[in-house]
Structures are given as C-alpha cells and as structure tokens.
Amino acid sequence: MLNNEFGWAADFEMNIFFTLAEFVYVTELLGVAVFAITGALAAQGKHMDILGVVVLAVVTSLGGGTIRDLTLDIHPLLWIQNDTYIWTAVISAVAAFWVCRYLRYPRRLLIILDALGMALFTVLGAQKAISLELPAIIVVMMAMVTGCAGGMVRDVLTRQIPLILHRHGELYATCSIIGAVLYVWLDGSMHPVVLVALSISIIFIIRMAAVFGDICLPEFIVAGHRLERRDDKERG
C-alpha cells in the first residue's frame, strides 16, 4: 500500500509539468496566434481587405521562424511540415479582423501583444538553436531573429519604421538578447519547461518596463553636434 502511494506521488510529481516537446508546441501555437493578431491590428487604417489582413498576419507570425530555419538550412520548414501553424495564423487573423470591427481595443494592445509574441518566439528560437548544438553566440542571434524579424516585416509592409530601428524607441531587440543570454546561461540548470517559462517572463517584463518606463539605449552622437530632442522631432 505504501509503495502504491509513493508510486502515485511520483507519477503526480512527474506530471506536474508538460514534457518539453509538448510545452514548446503549445508555446509555438500561442506565439503564432499572438503575432498573427498583431499583424491584423497593424493593418488598422491601411485600407486593407480581409485577404490583405490575413497575408500580413501570416507573414508576421511565421516570418521570424522561417528566416531562422532558412538561415540554419532546416528543411522542411515548420509550417510546411505541419499546416496547423498556418491555420492558427489564419484563424487568429480572421477573428481579430471581425472582432475589431465591432469592439474597440486599448491603444497599446498592439505593443503589449508584440512584446508577448517577441518573448515567446525569442525563447523558442533559442531552444531550437540549442537543440542543434550551435555555439552560444549563434543561439542568441537566432533567438533574436526569431523574436524580432516577424515584427520587422510587419512594420515594413505597413510602411512603419520597425520598432527595432526607432530612434527614440524603447528597448526592443535588447530585451530579446537579454532573454536569450539568460536562457543559454541557465540551460541545464533547471527543468527545461521552467526555464522556457522564466525566460519568456523576463523578456516580457523587461519590454513592458521599457515601454511604460521609457527606457532607451544611449544614442550615437558626434562631438560638437546637438542632439535633437524628442519634442523637436515630434513637432517637426
């Protein structure tokens, strides 16, 4: 009886967490849905029809991972191997398209969802690169590409300056880099699912702190040149 009880307790303890593969898959689908919604929201005021919104959403949600896999020569691409990712992006985009026609959403929702999508995909990119036993610096680079490239493509297609290139923008790619470095540093030191969740949380928190706390990196200026103030830029 005692052995049965201990055996049940051990099974329960092992089942507290998803397996890493299950957690990564769920996180990937969540990231695709979140980034697809940001693509749909970014279409606001751009006079796009529903097809244009869906295309923008798909490119946004799958762009970062596609660039990463092409760079690392990984075939077939994830969304070709499993069309669930495309359907997740399409359904999310269509849902956002219709919901936003009838419900108003907070002005900063796009920024918040973009931060969440970046956090999710950064860690997934790091996890993917580590599984290929790549050097740490390549892992960090692939994590940043996975987390930021989709949003950059979205901004370019909607004729916006990508958040990563904003002159007065808050920390963006830096958040991705910090999270990727943390993931590489702690890899193997804790349960992999806990590490994934922790890294995603850290990236999201830092990005939100940067947005609401107006935290920026120092700008490059040449001696003797006056730094144009943000207020001057906005008035101009």
C-alpha atoms as a PDB file:
ATOM      1  CA  MET A   1       0.000   0.000   0.000  1.00  0.00           C
ATOM      2  CA  LEU A   2       2.795   2.363   0.939  1.00  0.00           C
ATOM      3  CA  ASN A   3       4.621   1.604  -2.293  1.00  0.00           C
ATOM      4  CA  ASN A   4       1.461   2.314  -4.256  1.00  0.00           C
ATOM      5  CA  GLU A   5       1.078   5.624  -2.511  1.00  0.00           C
ATOM      6  CA  PHE A   6       4.676   6.577  -3.181  1.00  0.00           C
ATOM      7  CA  GLY A   7       4.303   5.443  -6.789  1.00  0.00           C
ATOM      8  CA  TRP A   8       1.212   7.623  -7.223  1.00  0.00           C
ATOM      9  CA  ALA A   9       3.026  10.578  -5.682  1.00  0.00           C
ATOM     10  CA  ALA A  10       5.977  10.091  -8.026  1.00  0.00           C
ATOM     11  CA  ASP A  11       3.695   9.909 -11.065  1.00  0.00           C
ATOM     12  CA  PHE A  12       1.860  13.027  -9.918  1.00  0.00           C
ATOM     13  CA  GLU A  13       5.120  14.890  -9.444  1.00  0.00           C
ATOM     14  CA  MET A  14       6.336  13.895 -12.910  1.00  0.00           C
ATOM     15  CA  ASN A  15       3.068  15.018 -14.470  1.00  0.00           C
ATOM     16  CA  ILE A  16       3.119  18.476 -12.900  1.00  0.00           C
ATOM     17  CA  PHE A  17       4.975  19.727 -15.966  1.00  0.00           C
ATOM     18  CA  PHE A  18       4.396  19.207 -19.639  1.00  0.00           C
ATOM     19  CA  THR A  19       7.142  17.437 -21.473  1.00  0.00           C
ATOM     20  CA  LEU A  20       9.406  19.939 -23.166  1.00  0.00           C
ATOM     21  CA  ALA A  21       8.177  18.934 -26.624  1.00  0.00           C
ATOM     22  CA  GLU A  22       4.529  19.433 -25.615  1.00  0.00           C
ATOM     23  CA  PHE A  23       5.229  22.772 -23.963  1.00  0.00           C
ATOM     24  CA  VAL A  24       7.241  24.020 -26.936  1.00  0.00           C
ATOM     25  CA  TYR A  25       4.457  23.029 -29.339  1.00  0.00           C
ATOM     26  CA  VAL A  26       1.773  24.814 -27.301  1.00  0.00           C
ATOM     27  CA  THR A  27       4.033  27.849 -26.942  1.00  0.00           C
ATOM     28  CA  GLU A  28       4.683  27.920 -30.694  1.00  0.00           C
ATOM     29  CA  LEU A  29       0.966  27.904 -31.458  1.00  0.00           C
ATOM     30  CA  LEU A  30       0.374  30.636 -28.874  1.00  0.00           C
ATOM     31  CA  GLY A  31       3.186  32.709 -30.376  1.00  0.00           C
ATOM     32  CA  VAL A  32       1.782  32.271 -33.875  1.00  0.00           C
ATOM     33  CA  ALA A  33      -1.674  33.343 -32.710  1.00  0.00           C
ATOM     34  CA  VAL A  34      -0.355  36.380 -30.824  1.00  0.00           C
ATOM     35  CA  PHE A  35       1.856  37.607 -33.664  1.00  0.00           C
ATOM     36  CA  ALA A  36      -0.930  36.989 -36.183  1.00  0.00           C
ATOM     37  CA  ILE A  37      -3.198  39.231 -34.123  1.00  0.00           C
ATOM     38  CA  THR A  38      -0.524  41.953 -34.061  1.00  0.00           C
ATOM     39  CA  GLY A  39      -0.374  41.708 -37.854  1.00  0.00           C
ATOM     40  CA  ALA A  40      -4.125  42.163 -38.064  1.00  0.00           C
ATOM     41  CA  LEU A  41      -4.066  45.115 -35.641  1.00  0.00           C
ATOM     42  CA  ALA A  42      -1.222  46.735 -37.586  1.00  0.00           C
ATOM     43  CA  ALA A  43      -3.475  46.813 -40.652  1.00  0.00           C
ATOM     44  CA  GLN A  44      -5.683  49.406 -38.964  1.00  0.00           C
ATOM     45  CA  GLY A  45      -6.070  52.478 -41.161  1.00  0.00           C
ATOM     46  CA  LYS A  46      -4.135  50.889 -44.043  1.00  0.00           C
ATOM     47  CA  HIS A  47      -7.255  50.265 -46.166  1.00  0.00           C
ATOM     48  CA  MET A  48      -6.616  46.520 -46.358  1.00  0.00           C
ATOM     49  CA  ASP A  49      -9.326  43.997 -47.097  1.00  0.00           C
ATOM     50  CA  ILE A  50      -9.610  40.727 -45.201  1.00  0.00           C
ATOM     51  CA  LEU A  51      -7.212  38.938 -47.566  1.00  0.00           C
ATOM     52  CA  GLY A  52      -4.576  41.605 -47.040  1.00  0.00           C
ATOM     53  CA  VAL A  53      -5.014  41.344 -43.270  1.00  0.00           C
ATOM     54  CA  VAL A  54      -4.616  37.557 -43.372  1.00  0.00           C
ATOM     55  CA  VAL A  55      -1.494  37.766 -45.558  1.00  0.00           C
ATOM     56  CA  LEU A  56       0.035  40.347 -43.221  1.00  0.00           C
ATOM     57  CA  ALA A  57      -0.815  38.219 -40.195  1.00  0.00           C
ATOM     58  CA  VAL A  58       0.685  35.052 -41.690  1.00  0.00           C
ATOM     59  CA  VAL A  59       3.887  36.815 -42.711  1.00  0.00           C
ATOM     60  CA  THR A  60       4.187  38.383 -39.264  1.00  0.00           C
ATOM     61  CA  SER A  61       3.586  35.185 -37.336  1.00  0.00           C
ATOM     62  CA  LEU A  62       5.734  32.852 -39.442  1.00  0.00           C
ATOM     63  CA  GLY A  63       8.365  35.240 -40.780  1.00  0.00           C
ATOM     64  CA  GLY A  64      10.859  35.068 -37.924  1.00  0.00           C
ATOM     65  CA  GLY A  65      10.905  31.292 -37.713  1.00  0.00           C
ATOM     66  CA  THR A  66      11.109  30.981 -41.495  1.00  0.00           C
ATOM     67  CA  ILE A  67      14.139  33.284 -41.705  1.00  0.00           C
ATOM     68  CA  ARG A  68      15.791  31.346 -38.862  1.00  0.00           C
ATOM     69  CA  ASP A  69      15.199  27.950 -40.474  1.00  0.00           C
ATOM     70  CA  LEU A  70      16.369  29.141 -43.891  1.00  0.00           C
ATOM     71  CA  THR A  71      19.499  30.575 -42.305  1.00  0.00           C
ATOM     72  CA  LEU A  72      20.204  27.306 -40.490  1.00  0.00           C
ATOM     73  CA  ASP A  73      19.277  25.246 -43.589  1.00  0.00           C
ATOM     74  CA  ILE A  74      16.486  23.408 -41.751  1.00  0.00           C
ATOM     75  CA  HIS A  75      14.081  21.619 -44.089  1.00  0.00           C
ATOM     76  CA  PRO A  76      11.197  21.219 -44.436  1.00  0.00           C
ATOM     77  CA  LEU A  77      10.082  24.485 -42.887  1.00  0.00           C
ATOM     78  CA  LEU A  78       7.981  24.037 -39.776  1.00  0.00           C
ATOM     79  CA  TRP A  79       4.760  25.411 -41.253  1.00  0.00           C
ATOM     80  CA  ILE A  80       5.164  23.241 -44.351  1.00  0.00           C
ATOM     81  CA  GLN A  81       5.719  20.155 -42.242  1.00  0.00           C
ATOM     82  CA  ASN A  82       2.699  20.951 -40.049  1.00  0.00           C
ATOM     83  CA  ASP A  83      -0.029  23.162 -41.514  1.00  0.00           C
ATOM     84  CA  THR A  84      -1.548  23.692 -38.053  1.00  0.00           C
ATOM     85  CA  TYR A  85       0.670  26.757 -37.765  1.00  0.00           C
ATOM     86  CA  ILE A  86      -0.771  28.352 -40.896  1.00  0.00           C
ATOM     87  CA  TRP A  87      -4.341  27.568 -39.847  1.00  0.00           C
ATOM     88  CA  THR A  88      -3.651  29.053 -36.404  1.00  0.00           C
ATOM     89  CA  ALA A  89      -2.405  32.267 -38.021  1.00  0.00           C
ATOM     90  CA  VAL A  90      -5.305  32.463 -40.466  1.00  0.00           C
ATOM     91  CA  ILE A  91      -8.000  31.796 -37.857  1.00  0.00           C
ATOM     92  CA  SER A  92      -6.442  34.292 -35.438  1.00  0.00           C
ATOM     93  CA  ALA A  93      -6.260  36.963 -38.143  1.00  0.00           C
ATOM     94  CA  VAL A  94      -9.855  36.442 -39.269  1.00  0.00           C
ATOM     95  CA  ALA A  95     -11.068  36.502 -35.668  1.00  0.00           C
ATOM     96  CA  ALA A  96      -9.175  39.742 -34.988  1.00  0.00           C
ATOM     97  CA  PHE A  97     -10.486  41.237 -38.242  1.00  0.00           C
ATOM     98  CA  TRP A  98     -14.125  40.733 -37.231  1.00  0.00           C
ATOM     99  CA  VAL A  99     -13.760  41.437 -33.523  1.00  0.00           C
ATOM    100  CA  CYS A 100     -12.014  44.762 -34.158  1.00  0.00           C
ATOM    101  CA  ARG A 101     -14.831  45.875 -36.443  1.00  0.00           C
ATOM    102  CA  TYR A 102     -17.252  45.880 -33.512  1.00  0.00           C
ATOM    103  CA  LEU A 103     -15.148  46.238 -30.361  1.00  0.00           C
ATOM    104  CA  ARG A 104     -12.662  48.946 -29.522  1.00  0.00           C
ATOM    105  CA  TYR A 105      -9.334  47.828 -28.116  1.00  0.00           C
ATOM    106  CA  PRO A 106      -6.762  49.694 -25.959  1.00  0.00           C
ATOM    107  CA  ARG A 107      -4.328  51.800 -27.961  1.00  0.00           C
ATOM    108  CA  ARG A 108      -1.319  49.973 -26.567  1.00  0.00           C
ATOM    109  CA  LEU A 109      -2.685  46.470 -27.113  1.00  0.00           C
ATOM    110  CA  LEU A 110      -0.544  46.088 -30.227  1.00  0.00           C
ATOM    111  CA  ILE A 111       2.620  46.899 -28.257  1.00  0.00           C
ATOM    112  CA  ILE A 112       1.692  44.513 -25.445  1.00  0.00           C
ATOM    113  CA  LEU A 113       0.887  41.633 -27.785  1.00  0.00           C
ATOM    114  CA  ASP A 114       4.026  42.341 -29.808  1.00  0.00           C
ATOM    115  CA  ALA A 115       6.083  42.103 -26.614  1.00  0.00           C
ATOM    116  CA  LEU A 116       4.452  38.792 -25.735  1.00  0.00           C
ATOM    117  CA  GLY A 117       4.997  37.410 -29.236  1.00  0.00           C
ATOM    118  CA  MET A 118       8.626  38.538 -29.228  1.00  0.00           C
ATOM    119  CA  ALA A 119       9.201  36.890 -25.842  1.00  0.00           C
ATOM    120  CA  LEU A 120       7.621  33.623 -26.944  1.00  0.00           C
ATOM    121  CA  PHE A 121       9.486  33.392 -30.237  1.00  0.00           C
ATOM    122  CA  THR A 122      12.827  34.520 -28.807  1.00  0.00           C
ATOM    123  CA  VAL A 123      12.893  31.628 -26.364  1.00  0.00           C
ATOM    124  CA  LEU A 124      11.626  29.176 -28.970  1.00  0.00           C
ATOM    125  CA  GLY A 125      14.397  30.315 -31.293  1.00  0.00           C
ATOM    126  CA  ALA A 126      16.979  29.818 -28.563  1.00  0.00           C
ATOM    127  CA  GLN A 127      15.610  26.381 -27.741  1.00  0.00           C
ATOM    128  CA  LYS A 128      15.719  25.382 -31.403  1.00  0.00           C
ATOM    129  CA  ALA A 129      19.303  26.574 -31.862  1.00  0.00           C
ATOM    130  CA  ILE A 130      20.490  24.862 -28.679  1.00  0.00           C
ATOM    131  CA  SER A 131      18.928  21.589 -29.820  1.00  0.00           C
ATOM    132  CA  LEU A 132      21.169  21.834 -32.904  1.00  0.00           C
ATOM    133  CA  GLU A 133      24.211  22.235 -30.602  1.00  0.00           C
ATOM    134  CA  LEU A 134      25.173  25.602 -32.079  1.00  0.00           C
ATOM    135  CA  PRO A 135      27.647  27.984 -30.380  1.00  0.00           C
ATOM    136  CA  ALA A 136      26.187  30.286 -27.746  1.00  0.00           C
ATOM    137  CA  ILE A 137      26.559  33.459 -29.814  1.00  0.00           C
ATOM    138  CA  ILE A 138      24.724  31.840 -32.739  1.00  0.00           C
ATOM    139  CA  VAL A 139      21.979  30.706 -30.367  1.00  0.00           C
ATOM    140  CA  VAL A 140      21.497  34.294 -29.200  1.00  0.00           C
ATOM    141  CA  MET A 141      21.484  35.619 -32.767  1.00  0.00           C
ATOM    142  CA  MET A 142      18.938  33.037 -33.940  1.00  0.00           C
ATOM    143  CA  ALA A 143      16.791  33.760 -30.894  1.00  0.00           C
ATOM    144  CA  MET A 144      16.771  37.471 -31.696  1.00  0.00           C
ATOM    145  CA  VAL A 145      15.978  36.808 -35.378  1.00  0.00           C
ATOM    146  CA  THR A 146      13.109  34.512 -34.438  1.00  0.00           C
ATOM    147  CA  GLY A 147      11.714  37.015 -31.945  1.00  0.00           C
ATOM    148  CA  CYS A 148      12.135  40.244 -33.910  1.00  0.00           C
ATOM    149  CA  ALA A 149      12.144  39.509 -37.649  1.00  0.00           C
ATOM    150  CA  GLY A 150       8.406  38.863 -37.971  1.00  0.00           C
ATOM    151  CA  GLY A 151       7.563  42.184 -36.350  1.00  0.00           C
ATOM    152  CA  MET A 152      10.080  43.964 -38.566  1.00  0.00           C
ATOM    153  CA  VAL A 153       8.498  42.523 -41.714  1.00  0.00           C
ATOM    154  CA  ARG A 154       5.052  43.542 -40.424  1.00  0.00           C
ATOM    155  CA  ASP A 155       6.188  47.122 -39.839  1.00  0.00           C
ATOM    156  CA  VAL A 156       7.875  47.383 -43.242  1.00  0.00           C
ATOM    157  CA  LEU A 157       4.791  46.074 -45.052  1.00  0.00           C
ATOM    158  CA  THR A 158       2.607  48.612 -43.243  1.00  0.00           C
ATOM    159  CA  ARG A 159       5.075  51.424 -44.009  1.00  0.00           C
ATOM    160  CA  GLN A 160       6.096  51.914 -40.392  1.00  0.00           C
ATOM    161  CA  ILE A 161       9.612  52.318 -39.040  1.00  0.00           C
ATOM    162  CA  PRO A 162      10.360  48.939 -37.395  1.00  0.00           C
ATOM    163  CA  LEU A 163      10.328  49.144 -33.609  1.00  0.00           C
ATOM    164  CA  ILE A 164      13.877  47.819 -33.547  1.00  0.00           C
ATOM    165  CA  LEU A 165      15.053  50.887 -35.536  1.00  0.00           C
ATOM    166  CA  HIS A 166      13.100  53.641 -33.794  1.00  0.00           C
ATOM    167  CA  ARG A 167      15.420  56.493 -32.984  1.00  0.00           C
ATOM    168  CA  HIS A 168      13.608  57.236 -29.744  1.00  0.00           C
ATOM    169  CA  GLY A 169      12.251  53.727 -29.321  1.00  0.00           C
ATOM    170  CA  GLU A 170      12.323  51.894 -26.027  1.00  0.00           C
ATOM    171  CA  LEU A 171      14.380  48.718 -25.558  1.00  0.00           C
ATOM    172  CA  TYR A 172      13.252  46.128 -28.099  1.00  0.00           C
ATOM    173  CA  ALA A 173      15.840  43.767 -29.531  1.00  0.00           C
ATOM    174  CA  THR A 174      17.840  44.293 -26.342  1.00  0.00           C
ATOM    175  CA  CYS A 175      15.047  42.550 -24.409  1.00  0.00           C
ATOM    176  CA  SER A 176      15.296  39.613 -26.788  1.00  0.00           C
ATOM    177  CA  ILE A 177      19.077  39.436 -26.393  1.00  0.00           C
ATOM    178  CA  ILE A 178      18.868  39.547 -22.586  1.00  0.00           C
ATOM    179  CA  GLY A 179      16.319  36.742 -22.533  1.00  0.00           C
ATOM    180  CA  ALA A 180      18.337  34.610 -24.964  1.00  0.00           C
ATOM    181  CA  VAL A 181      21.533  35.073 -22.948  1.00  0.00           C
ATOM    182  CA  LEU A 182      19.646  34.112 -19.794  1.00  0.00           C
ATOM    183  CA  TYR A 183      18.282  31.003 -21.488  1.00  0.00           C
ATOM    184  CA  VAL A 184      21.743  29.924 -22.687  1.00  0.00           C
ATOM    185  CA  TRP A 185      23.301  30.651 -19.297  1.00  0.00           C
ATOM    186  CA  LEU A 186      20.745  28.662 -17.310  1.00  0.00           C
ATOM    187  CA  ASP A 187      20.305  25.842 -19.807  1.00  0.00           C
ATOM    188  CA  GLY A 188      20.669  22.517 -17.997  1.00  0.00           C
ATOM    189  CA  SER A 189      20.449  24.050 -14.524  1.00  0.00           C
ATOM    190  CA  MET A 190      16.669  23.642 -14.081  1.00  0.00           C
ATOM    191  CA  HIS A 191      13.666  21.882 -15.544  1.00  0.00           C
ATOM    192  CA  PRO A 192      13.549  22.897 -19.240  1.00  0.00           C
ATOM    193  CA  VAL A 193       9.873  23.874 -19.087  1.00  0.00           C
ATOM    194  CA  VAL A 194      10.541  26.121 -16.096  1.00  0.00           C
ATOM    195  CA  LEU A 195      13.478  27.686 -17.939  1.00  0.00           C
ATOM    196  CA  VAL A 196      11.351  28.396 -21.008  1.00  0.00           C
ATOM    197  CA  ALA A 197       8.593  29.971 -18.911  1.00  0.00           C
ATOM    198  CA  LEU A 198      11.095  32.001 -16.870  1.00  0.00           C
ATOM    199  CA  SER A 199      12.895  33.357 -19.922  1.00  0.00           C
ATOM    200  CA  ILE A 200       9.630  34.315 -21.634  1.00  0.00           C
ATOM    201  CA  SER A 201       8.509  36.138 -18.483  1.00  0.00           C
ATOM    202  CA  ILE A 202      11.798  38.015 -18.147  1.00  0.00           C
ATOM    203  CA  ILE A 203      11.727  39.235 -21.754  1.00  0.00           C
ATOM    204  CA  PHE A 204       8.109  40.349 -21.495  1.00  0.00           C
ATOM    205  CA  ILE A 205       8.659  42.144 -18.177  1.00  0.00           C
ATOM    206  CA  ILE A 206      11.743  43.980 -19.436  1.00  0.00           C
ATOM    207  CA  ARG A 207       9.933  45.064 -22.604  1.00  0.00           C
ATOM    208  CA  MET A 208       6.923  46.302 -20.642  1.00  0.00           C
ATOM    209  CA  ALA A 209       9.204  48.150 -18.221  1.00  0.00           C
ATOM    210  CA  ALA A 210      10.934  49.763 -21.205  1.00  0.00           C
ATOM    211  CA  VAL A 211       7.626  50.799 -22.794  1.00  0.00           C
ATOM    212  CA  PHE A 212       5.981  52.233 -19.708  1.00  0.00           C
ATOM    213  CA  GLY A 213       9.213  53.469 -18.115  1.00  0.00           C
ATOM    214  CA  ASP A 214      10.590  54.970 -21.363  1.00  0.00           C
ATOM    215  CA  ILE A 215      13.885  53.070 -21.031  1.00  0.00           C
ATOM    216  CA  CYS A 216      16.146  53.544 -24.060  1.00  0.00           C
ATOM    217  CA  LEU A 217      19.697  52.779 -25.070  1.00  0.00           C
ATOM    218  CA  PRO A 218      22.081  55.756 -25.409  1.00  0.00           C
ATOM    219  CA  GLU A 219      22.150  57.259 -28.887  1.00  0.00           C
ATOM    220  CA  PHE A 220      25.228  57.676 -31.031  1.00  0.00           C
ATOM    221  CA  ILE A 221      26.167  61.337 -31.419  1.00  0.00           C
ATOM    222  CA  VAL A 222      29.249  63.072 -32.775  1.00  0.00           C
ATOM    223  CA  ALA A 223      31.101  65.584 -30.603  1.00  0.00           C
ATOM    224  CA  GLY A 224      30.002  69.130 -31.348  1.00  0.00           C
ATOM    225  CA  HIS A 225      26.592  68.151 -32.734  1.00  0.00           C
ATOM    226  CA  ARG A 226      23.423  68.990 -30.850  1.00  0.00           C
ATOM    227  CA  LEU A 227      21.214  66.015 -30.067  1.00  0.00           C
ATOM    228  CA  GLU A 228      17.736  66.657 -31.419  1.00  0.00           C
ATOM    229  CA  ARG A 229      15.182  66.385 -28.647  1.00  0.00           C
ATOM    230  CA  ARG A 230      12.167  64.112 -28.938  1.00  0.00           C
ATOM    231  CA  ASP A 231       9.777  67.068 -28.639  1.00  0.00           C
ATOM    232  CA  ASP A 232      11.518  68.822 -31.517  1.00  0.00           C
ATOM    233  CA  LYS A 233      11.272  65.655 -33.601  1.00  0.00           C
ATOM    234  CA  GLU A 234       7.570  65.249 -32.907  1.00  0.00           C
ATOM    235  CA  ARG A 235       6.793  68.925 -33.716  1.00  0.00           C
ATOM    236  CA  GLY A 236       8.778  68.694 -36.931  1.00  0.00           C
END
